Amino acid sequence: MPALDPRSPTTGPECNVRARDLPALIADYDGRARLVGIRQFCKDWAASDHPMRLEMIAAAPRRVHWWHRFGARRFDMRRIAAVVDALCDRDGVPAPTWAQPARRRRAISLTEPQFPSTPWNDYERSEAPPACARHDVWFRPVDIEDHRVHGFS
């Protein structure tokens, strides 16, 4: 597992994953790290109070390596911004300026670099949080929920 941002606490009760930690967590190439890092962020978000949530999104994420601007890693910042924007919308937290929708070329999902128009994907679009349309990053509301807080859908 890659190292977290050294400015973030990594031990004790305040060791929540922060948005600035996500690029390092999802840059691991084990095939599912992108979703695992984002899910952990969502779980920590659900278990946090309002001041901690503001701290979790205060610092903007940065790419781990310059070459992550190309290939499969190039969509990571869009994914992070869409998830943070959706969480902020859902829970009434003001979204940070870095999470505003950026220029986009095509629809993507949390796990894939494309999101073609199929009956299932169209259904997912109809169920998706409003932030998904703003960022053109598509996921289901259950993807950003924690069953310990929100129950099972």
N, C-alpha and C. Protein backbone atom coordinates (compact mmCIF):
# COMPACT_ATOMS: atom_id res chain seq x y z
N MET A 1 0.85 -1.18 0.00
CA MET A 1 0.00 0.00 0.00
C MET A 1 0.89 1.24 0.00
N PRO A 2 0.59 2.23 -0.85
CA PRO A 2 1.43 3.42 -0.90
C PRO A 2 1.33 4.23 0.39
N ALA A 3 2.35 5.03 0.62
CA ALA A 3 2.37 5.87 1.82
C ALA A 3 1.36 7.00 1.68
N LEU A 4 0.75 7.35 2.80
CA LEU A 4 -0.18 8.47 2.82
C LEU A 4 0.60 9.77 2.86
N ASP A 5 -0.09 10.85 2.63
CA ASP A 5 0.50 12.18 2.70
C ASP A 5 1.11 12.37 4.09
N PRO A 6 2.38 12.78 4.19
CA PRO A 6 3.01 12.90 5.50
C PRO A 6 2.38 13.96 6.39
N ARG A 7 1.62 14.89 5.81
CA ARG A 7 0.97 15.91 6.62
C ARG A 7 -0.29 15.39 7.29
N SER A 8 -0.74 14.20 6.90
CA SER A 8 -1.95 13.62 7.48
C SER A 8 -1.58 12.71 8.64
N PRO A 9 -2.35 12.75 9.71
CA PRO A 9 -2.08 11.79 10.79
C PRO A 9 -2.42 10.39 10.32
N THR A 10 -1.61 9.43 10.67
CA THR A 10 -1.85 8.05 10.23
C THR A 10 -2.08 7.11 11.39
N THR A 11 -2.12 7.65 12.59
CA THR A 11 -2.42 6.81 13.74
C THR A 11 -3.39 7.54 14.65
N GLY A 12 -4.00 6.80 15.55
CA GLY A 12 -4.92 7.43 16.50
C GLY A 12 -6.32 7.54 15.95
N PRO A 13 -7.22 8.14 16.73
CA PRO A 13 -8.63 8.21 16.34
C PRO A 13 -8.90 9.16 15.18
N GLU A 14 -7.98 10.05 14.88
CA GLU A 14 -8.19 11.04 13.82
C GLU A 14 -7.48 10.64 12.53
N CYS A 15 -7.45 9.38 12.19
CA CYS A 15 -6.68 8.93 11.02
C CYS A 15 -7.56 8.74 9.79
N ASN A 16 -8.54 9.60 9.59
CA ASN A 16 -9.40 9.50 8.42
C ASN A 16 -8.61 9.73 7.14
N VAL A 17 -9.04 9.06 6.09
CA VAL A 17 -8.48 9.32 4.77
C VAL A 17 -8.98 10.69 4.34
N ARG A 18 -8.10 11.50 3.85
CA ARG A 18 -8.47 12.83 3.36
C ARG A 18 -8.43 12.84 1.84
N ALA A 19 -9.09 13.80 1.25
CA ALA A 19 -9.11 13.89 -0.21
C ALA A 19 -7.71 13.98 -0.78
N ARG A 20 -6.82 14.67 -0.08
CA ARG A 20 -5.46 14.80 -0.60
C ARG A 20 -4.70 13.48 -0.55
N ASP A 21 -5.17 12.50 0.24
CA ASP A 21 -4.56 11.18 0.30
C ASP A 21 -5.01 10.27 -0.83
N LEU A 22 -6.14 10.55 -1.42
CA LEU A 22 -6.74 9.63 -2.39
C LEU A 22 -5.87 9.34 -3.61
N PRO A 23 -5.20 10.31 -4.23
CA PRO A 23 -4.39 9.94 -5.39
C PRO A 23 -3.33 8.88 -5.08
N ALA A 24 -2.71 8.96 -3.92
CA ALA A 24 -1.72 7.94 -3.55
C ALA A 24 -2.38 6.59 -3.31
N LEU A 25 -3.57 6.60 -2.70
CA LEU A 25 -4.26 5.34 -2.42
C LEU A 25 -4.76 4.67 -3.69
N ILE A 26 -5.24 5.46 -4.64
CA ILE A 26 -5.80 4.84 -5.85
C ILE A 26 -4.77 4.65 -6.95
N ALA A 27 -3.55 5.11 -6.74
CA ALA A 27 -2.49 4.90 -7.73
C ALA A 27 -1.91 3.50 -7.65
N ASP A 28 -2.25 2.75 -6.62
CA ASP A 28 -1.79 1.37 -6.49
C ASP A 28 -2.44 0.57 -7.62
N TYR A 29 -1.66 -0.23 -8.30
CA TYR A 29 -2.15 -0.90 -9.51
C TYR A 29 -2.65 -2.32 -9.25
N ASP A 30 -3.33 -2.57 -8.17
CA ASP A 30 -3.78 -3.93 -7.89
C ASP A 30 -5.12 -4.25 -8.55
N GLY A 31 -5.66 -3.36 -9.36
CA GLY A 31 -6.90 -3.64 -10.09
C GLY A 31 -8.16 -3.16 -9.41
N ARG A 32 -8.15 -3.04 -8.09
CA ARG A 32 -9.35 -2.58 -7.39
C ARG A 32 -9.03 -1.44 -6.44
N ALA A 33 -7.81 -0.98 -6.44
CA ALA A 33 -7.40 0.07 -5.50
C ALA A 33 -8.19 1.35 -5.70
N ARG A 34 -8.56 1.66 -6.94
CA ARG A 34 -9.31 2.89 -7.19
C ARG A 34 -10.59 2.92 -6.37
N LEU A 35 -11.31 1.83 -6.38
CA LEU A 35 -12.57 1.78 -5.65
C LEU A 35 -12.35 1.61 -4.15
N VAL A 36 -11.33 0.85 -3.75
CA VAL A 36 -11.07 0.64 -2.33
C VAL A 36 -10.72 1.95 -1.64
N GLY A 37 -9.86 2.76 -2.23
CA GLY A 37 -9.49 4.05 -1.64
C GLY A 37 -10.68 4.99 -1.53
N ILE A 38 -11.49 5.04 -2.56
CA ILE A 38 -12.67 5.91 -2.55
C ILE A 38 -13.69 5.40 -1.54
N ARG A 39 -13.89 4.09 -1.46
CA ARG A 39 -14.83 3.55 -0.48
C ARG A 39 -14.37 3.85 0.94
N GLN A 40 -13.06 3.76 1.21
CA GLN A 40 -12.57 4.07 2.55
C GLN A 40 -12.80 5.54 2.87
N PHE A 41 -12.60 6.41 1.90
CA PHE A 41 -12.88 7.84 2.10
C PHE A 41 -14.35 8.03 2.46
N CYS A 42 -15.25 7.35 1.73
CA CYS A 42 -16.69 7.47 2.00
C CYS A 42 -17.05 6.94 3.38
N LYS A 43 -16.43 5.85 3.79
CA LYS A 43 -16.70 5.30 5.13
C LYS A 43 -16.23 6.27 6.21
N ASP A 44 -15.04 6.83 6.03
CA ASP A 44 -14.54 7.80 7.00
C ASP A 44 -15.43 9.04 7.03
N TRP A 45 -15.90 9.46 5.87
CA TRP A 45 -16.80 10.61 5.78
C TRP A 45 -18.08 10.34 6.57
N ALA A 46 -18.65 9.16 6.39
CA ALA A 46 -19.91 8.82 7.06
C ALA A 46 -19.75 8.79 8.57
N ALA A 47 -18.59 8.42 9.05
CA ALA A 47 -18.36 8.30 10.49
C ALA A 47 -17.85 9.60 11.12
N SER A 48 -17.75 10.67 10.33
CA SER A 48 -17.18 11.94 10.81
C SER A 48 -18.26 12.98 11.06
N ASP A 49 -17.94 13.93 11.91
CA ASP A 49 -18.85 15.05 12.13
C ASP A 49 -18.51 16.17 11.14
N HIS A 50 -19.29 17.24 11.17
CA HIS A 50 -19.14 18.33 10.20
C HIS A 50 -17.73 18.94 10.20
N PRO A 51 -17.15 19.31 11.35
CA PRO A 51 -15.79 19.89 11.30
C PRO A 51 -14.75 18.93 10.71
N MET A 52 -14.86 17.66 11.02
CA MET A 52 -13.90 16.70 10.47
C MET A 52 -14.08 16.55 8.96
N ARG A 53 -15.32 16.59 8.50
CA ARG A 53 -15.57 16.52 7.06
C ARG A 53 -14.94 17.71 6.34
N LEU A 54 -15.07 18.89 6.92
CA LEU A 54 -14.44 20.06 6.32
C LEU A 54 -12.92 19.89 6.26
N GLU A 55 -12.35 19.31 7.28
CA GLU A 55 -10.90 19.06 7.29
C GLU A 55 -10.51 18.01 6.25
N MET A 56 -11.37 17.01 6.05
CA MET A 56 -11.07 15.95 5.09
C MET A 56 -11.00 16.47 3.66
N ILE A 57 -11.71 17.55 3.35
CA ILE A 57 -11.74 18.07 1.98
C ILE A 57 -11.04 19.42 1.83
N ALA A 58 -10.39 19.88 2.90
CA ALA A 58 -9.77 21.21 2.86
C ALA A 58 -8.65 21.30 1.83
N ALA A 59 -7.77 20.34 1.79
CA ALA A 59 -6.63 20.39 0.86
C ALA A 59 -6.97 19.63 -0.42
N ALA A 60 -6.65 20.24 -1.53
CA ALA A 60 -6.93 19.63 -2.83
C ALA A 60 -5.99 18.46 -3.10
N PRO A 61 -6.50 17.42 -3.73
CA PRO A 61 -5.62 16.30 -4.09
C PRO A 61 -4.68 16.69 -5.23
N ARG A 62 -3.53 16.08 -5.24
CA ARG A 62 -2.54 16.29 -6.30
C ARG A 62 -2.13 14.94 -6.85
N ARG A 63 -1.80 14.93 -8.13
CA ARG A 63 -1.36 13.68 -8.75
C ARG A 63 -0.06 13.20 -8.09
N VAL A 64 0.08 11.88 -7.99
CA VAL A 64 1.26 11.31 -7.36
C VAL A 64 2.49 11.51 -8.25
N HIS A 65 2.35 11.25 -9.54
CA HIS A 65 3.44 11.39 -10.50
C HIS A 65 2.95 12.19 -11.70
N TRP A 66 3.85 12.89 -12.34
CA TRP A 66 3.45 13.71 -13.49
C TRP A 66 2.86 12.86 -14.61
N TRP A 67 3.33 11.63 -14.77
CA TRP A 67 2.84 10.79 -15.85
C TRP A 67 1.43 10.25 -15.60
N HIS A 68 0.87 10.51 -14.43
CA HIS A 68 -0.51 10.12 -14.18
C HIS A 68 -1.50 11.02 -14.92
N ARG A 69 -0.98 12.03 -15.62
CA ARG A 69 -1.85 12.85 -16.47
C ARG A 69 -2.23 12.11 -17.74
N PHE A 70 -1.63 10.94 -17.96
CA PHE A 70 -1.85 10.16 -19.17
C PHE A 70 -2.30 8.75 -18.79
N GLY A 71 -2.88 8.03 -19.71
CA GLY A 71 -3.29 6.66 -19.44
C GLY A 71 -4.49 6.58 -18.52
N ALA A 72 -4.62 5.46 -17.83
CA ALA A 72 -5.79 5.21 -16.98
C ALA A 72 -5.86 6.15 -15.79
N ARG A 73 -4.76 6.69 -15.34
CA ARG A 73 -4.73 7.58 -14.16
C ARG A 73 -5.28 8.97 -14.46
N ARG A 74 -5.44 9.32 -15.71
CA ARG A 74 -5.82 10.69 -16.05
C ARG A 74 -7.21 11.07 -15.57
N PHE A 75 -8.05 10.09 -15.25
CA PHE A 75 -9.40 10.38 -14.79
C PHE A 75 -9.54 10.41 -13.27
N ASP A 76 -8.47 10.14 -12.56
CA ASP A 76 -8.55 10.04 -11.10
C ASP A 76 -9.05 11.32 -10.44
N MET A 77 -8.56 12.46 -10.86
CA MET A 77 -8.97 13.73 -10.24
C MET A 77 -10.45 14.00 -10.46
N ARG A 78 -10.94 13.66 -11.66
CA ARG A 78 -12.38 13.82 -11.93
C ARG A 78 -13.20 12.93 -11.02
N ARG A 79 -12.75 11.70 -10.82
CA ARG A 79 -13.47 10.77 -9.94
C ARG A 79 -13.51 11.29 -8.51
N ILE A 80 -12.38 11.74 -8.02
CA ILE A 80 -12.31 12.26 -6.65
C ILE A 80 -13.22 13.46 -6.49
N ALA A 81 -13.15 14.40 -7.45
CA ALA A 81 -13.99 15.60 -7.37
C ALA A 81 -15.47 15.25 -7.41
N ALA A 82 -15.86 14.29 -8.24
CA ALA A 82 -17.27 13.91 -8.33
C ALA A 82 -17.75 13.27 -7.03
N VAL A 83 -16.95 12.41 -6.44
CA VAL A 83 -17.34 11.77 -5.18
C VAL A 83 -17.45 12.80 -4.07
N VAL A 84 -16.48 13.69 -3.96
CA VAL A 84 -16.52 14.73 -2.93
C VAL A 84 -17.72 15.64 -3.15
N ASP A 85 -17.98 16.04 -4.38
CA ASP A 85 -19.12 16.89 -4.68
C ASP A 85 -20.44 16.19 -4.31
N ALA A 86 -20.56 14.91 -4.63
CA ALA A 86 -21.78 14.16 -4.30
C ALA A 86 -21.96 14.03 -2.79
N LEU A 87 -20.89 13.75 -2.07
CA LEU A 87 -20.98 13.64 -0.61
C LEU A 87 -21.37 14.98 0.01
N CYS A 88 -20.79 16.06 -0.49
CA CYS A 88 -21.12 17.39 0.04
C CYS A 88 -22.58 17.73 -0.23
N ASP A 89 -23.06 17.45 -1.44
CA ASP A 89 -24.47 17.69 -1.77
C ASP A 89 -25.39 16.90 -0.85
N ARG A 90 -25.09 15.64 -0.68
CA ARG A 90 -25.95 14.75 0.11
C ARG A 90 -26.03 15.18 1.57
N ASP A 91 -24.89 15.61 2.14
CA ASP A 91 -24.82 15.86 3.57
C ASP A 91 -24.81 17.34 3.95
N GLY A 92 -25.02 18.23 2.98
CA GLY A 92 -25.13 19.65 3.29
C GLY A 92 -23.83 20.31 3.69
N VAL A 93 -22.73 19.82 3.19
CA VAL A 93 -21.42 20.41 3.46
C VAL A 93 -21.04 21.25 2.24
N PRO A 94 -20.54 22.46 2.45
CA PRO A 94 -20.15 23.26 1.28
C PRO A 94 -19.00 22.58 0.53
N ALA A 95 -19.16 22.44 -0.77
CA ALA A 95 -18.13 21.79 -1.59
C ALA A 95 -16.93 22.72 -1.76
N PRO A 96 -15.74 22.17 -1.71
CA PRO A 96 -14.55 23.00 -1.91
C PRO A 96 -14.44 23.45 -3.36
N THR A 97 -13.73 24.52 -3.60
CA THR A 97 -13.61 25.04 -4.96
C THR A 97 -12.90 24.05 -5.87
N TRP A 98 -11.98 23.26 -5.34
CA TRP A 98 -11.26 22.31 -6.20
C TRP A 98 -12.17 21.18 -6.69
N ALA A 99 -13.33 20.99 -6.08
CA ALA A 99 -14.26 19.92 -6.48
C ALA A 99 -15.28 20.40 -7.51
N GLN A 100 -15.11 21.59 -8.03
CA GLN A 100 -16.03 22.08 -9.05
C GLN A 100 -15.81 21.31 -10.35
N PRO A 101 -16.86 21.13 -11.14
CA PRO A 101 -16.71 20.37 -12.38
C PRO A 101 -15.65 20.97 -13.29
N ALA A 102 -14.84 20.09 -13.85
CA ALA A 102 -13.79 20.50 -14.76
C ALA A 102 -14.19 20.17 -16.19
N ARG A 103 -13.35 20.58 -17.11
CA ARG A 103 -13.58 20.26 -18.52
C ARG A 103 -13.61 18.74 -18.67
N ARG A 104 -14.55 18.25 -19.45
CA ARG A 104 -14.65 16.81 -19.63
C ARG A 104 -14.87 16.48 -21.10
N ARG A 105 -14.42 15.32 -21.48
CA ARG A 105 -14.55 14.89 -22.86
C ARG A 105 -15.54 13.75 -23.04
N ARG A 106 -15.64 12.89 -22.02
CA ARG A 106 -16.53 11.74 -22.16
C ARG A 106 -16.97 11.24 -20.79
N ALA A 107 -18.04 10.49 -20.80
CA ALA A 107 -18.56 9.92 -19.56
C ALA A 107 -17.67 8.77 -19.10
N ILE A 108 -17.45 8.72 -17.77
CA ILE A 108 -16.66 7.64 -17.18
C ILE A 108 -17.40 7.13 -15.94
N SER A 109 -16.97 6.00 -15.42
CA SER A 109 -17.52 5.49 -14.17
C SER A 109 -16.41 5.52 -13.12
N LEU A 110 -16.74 5.10 -11.91
CA LEU A 110 -15.72 5.06 -10.86
C LEU A 110 -14.62 4.06 -11.17
N THR A 111 -14.94 3.03 -11.92
CA THR A 111 -13.97 1.97 -12.14
C THR A 111 -13.48 1.84 -13.58
N GLU A 112 -14.18 2.42 -14.52
CA GLU A 112 -13.83 2.25 -15.93
C GLU A 112 -13.62 3.60 -16.61
N PRO A 113 -12.74 3.65 -17.63
CA PRO A 113 -12.50 4.91 -18.33
C PRO A 113 -13.56 5.25 -19.37
N GLN A 114 -14.64 4.50 -19.41
CA GLN A 114 -15.75 4.81 -20.31
C GLN A 114 -17.06 4.42 -19.64
N PHE A 115 -18.12 5.00 -20.14
CA PHE A 115 -19.45 4.70 -19.61
C PHE A 115 -20.42 4.76 -20.78
N PRO A 116 -20.41 3.71 -21.64
CA PRO A 116 -21.23 3.75 -22.85
C PRO A 116 -22.72 3.74 -22.54
N SER A 117 -23.49 4.13 -23.52
CA SER A 117 -24.95 4.15 -23.35
C SER A 117 -25.49 2.74 -23.58
N THR A 118 -25.86 2.09 -22.48
CA THR A 118 -26.48 0.77 -22.52
C THR A 118 -27.71 0.84 -21.62
N PRO A 119 -28.62 -0.09 -21.70
CA PRO A 119 -29.79 -0.04 -20.81
C PRO A 119 -29.41 0.01 -19.33
N TRP A 120 -28.43 -0.79 -18.91
CA TRP A 120 -28.03 -0.77 -17.50
C TRP A 120 -27.39 0.57 -17.12
N ASN A 121 -26.51 1.08 -17.97
CA ASN A 121 -25.88 2.36 -17.67
C ASN A 121 -26.89 3.50 -17.68
N ASP A 122 -27.87 3.43 -18.56
CA ASP A 122 -28.92 4.44 -18.55
C ASP A 122 -29.72 4.39 -17.25
N TYR A 123 -29.94 3.19 -16.74
CA TYR A 123 -30.61 3.04 -15.43
C TYR A 123 -29.74 3.65 -14.33
N GLU A 124 -28.44 3.38 -14.36
CA GLU A 124 -27.53 3.96 -13.36
C GLU A 124 -27.54 5.48 -13.44
N ARG A 125 -27.58 6.02 -14.65
CA ARG A 125 -27.63 7.49 -14.80
C ARG A 125 -28.90 8.05 -14.16
N SER A 126 -30.02 7.33 -14.30
CA SER A 126 -31.27 7.83 -13.74
C SER A 126 -31.27 7.80 -12.21
N GLU A 127 -30.49 6.90 -11.62
CA GLU A 127 -30.43 6.76 -10.16
C GLU A 127 -29.27 7.55 -9.54
N ALA A 128 -28.38 8.06 -10.34
CA ALA A 128 -27.14 8.68 -9.85
C ALA A 128 -27.40 10.00 -9.12
N PRO A 129 -26.52 10.36 -8.19
CA PRO A 129 -26.62 11.67 -7.53
C PRO A 129 -26.45 12.80 -8.56
N PRO A 130 -27.00 13.98 -8.29
CA PRO A 130 -26.90 15.10 -9.24
C PRO A 130 -25.46 15.48 -9.58
N ALA A 131 -24.53 15.27 -8.66
CA ALA A 131 -23.12 15.62 -8.93
C ALA A 131 -22.55 14.81 -10.08
N CYS A 132 -23.09 13.63 -10.31
CA CYS A 132 -22.58 12.79 -11.40
C CYS A 132 -22.76 13.48 -12.75
N ALA A 133 -23.91 14.09 -12.96
CA ALA A 133 -24.17 14.77 -14.23
C ALA A 133 -23.25 15.98 -14.39
N ARG A 134 -22.97 16.67 -13.31
CA ARG A 134 -22.08 17.84 -13.40
C ARG A 134 -20.66 17.45 -13.79
N HIS A 135 -20.20 16.31 -13.31
CA HIS A 135 -18.82 15.87 -13.57
C HIS A 135 -18.73 14.84 -14.69
N ASP A 136 -19.87 14.30 -15.11
CA ASP A 136 -19.92 13.21 -16.09
C ASP A 136 -19.12 12.00 -15.62
N VAL A 137 -19.18 11.77 -14.30
CA VAL A 137 -18.61 10.58 -13.65
C VAL A 137 -19.78 9.88 -12.99
N TRP A 138 -20.04 8.65 -13.39
CA TRP A 138 -21.29 8.00 -13.00
C TRP A 138 -21.07 6.89 -11.99
N PHE A 139 -21.92 6.90 -10.97
CA PHE A 139 -21.94 5.85 -9.95
C PHE A 139 -23.29 5.86 -9.27
N ARG A 140 -23.58 4.79 -8.55
CA ARG A 140 -24.84 4.67 -7.84
C ARG A 140 -24.71 5.31 -6.46
N PRO A 141 -25.80 5.78 -5.87
CA PRO A 141 -25.72 6.34 -4.52
C PRO A 141 -25.15 5.36 -3.50
N VAL A 142 -25.42 4.07 -3.69
CA VAL A 142 -24.91 3.08 -2.74
C VAL A 142 -23.38 3.01 -2.77
N ASP A 143 -22.76 3.45 -3.86
CA ASP A 143 -21.29 3.42 -3.96
C ASP A 143 -20.62 4.41 -3.01
N ILE A 144 -21.37 5.40 -2.54
CA ILE A 144 -20.78 6.38 -1.62
C ILE A 144 -21.43 6.34 -0.24
N GLU A 145 -22.13 5.25 0.04
CA GLU A 145 -22.76 5.09 1.34
C GLU A 145 -21.98 4.10 2.19
N ASP A 146 -22.20 4.15 3.47
CA ASP A 146 -21.60 3.21 4.41
C ASP A 146 -22.75 2.50 5.12
N HIS A 147 -22.80 1.17 5.01
CA HIS A 147 -23.93 0.43 5.58
C HIS A 147 -24.04 0.60 7.09
N ARG A 148 -22.93 0.96 7.76
CA ARG A 148 -23.00 1.15 9.21
C ARG A 148 -23.82 2.38 9.56
N VAL A 149 -23.90 3.33 8.63
CA VAL A 149 -24.63 4.57 8.88
C VAL A 149 -25.94 4.60 8.08
N HIS A 150 -25.89 4.21 6.82
CA HIS A 150 -27.04 4.35 5.93
C HIS A 150 -27.89 3.10 5.80
N GLY A 151 -27.45 1.97 6.36
CA GLY A 151 -28.18 0.72 6.19
C GLY A 151 -27.90 0.11 4.83
N PHE A 152 -28.56 -0.98 4.52
CA PHE A 152 -28.37 -1.65 3.24
C PHE A 152 -29.45 -1.21 2.28
N SER A 153 -29.06 -0.97 1.04
CA SER A 153 -30.03 -0.56 0.01
C SER A 153 -30.42 -1.74 -0.83
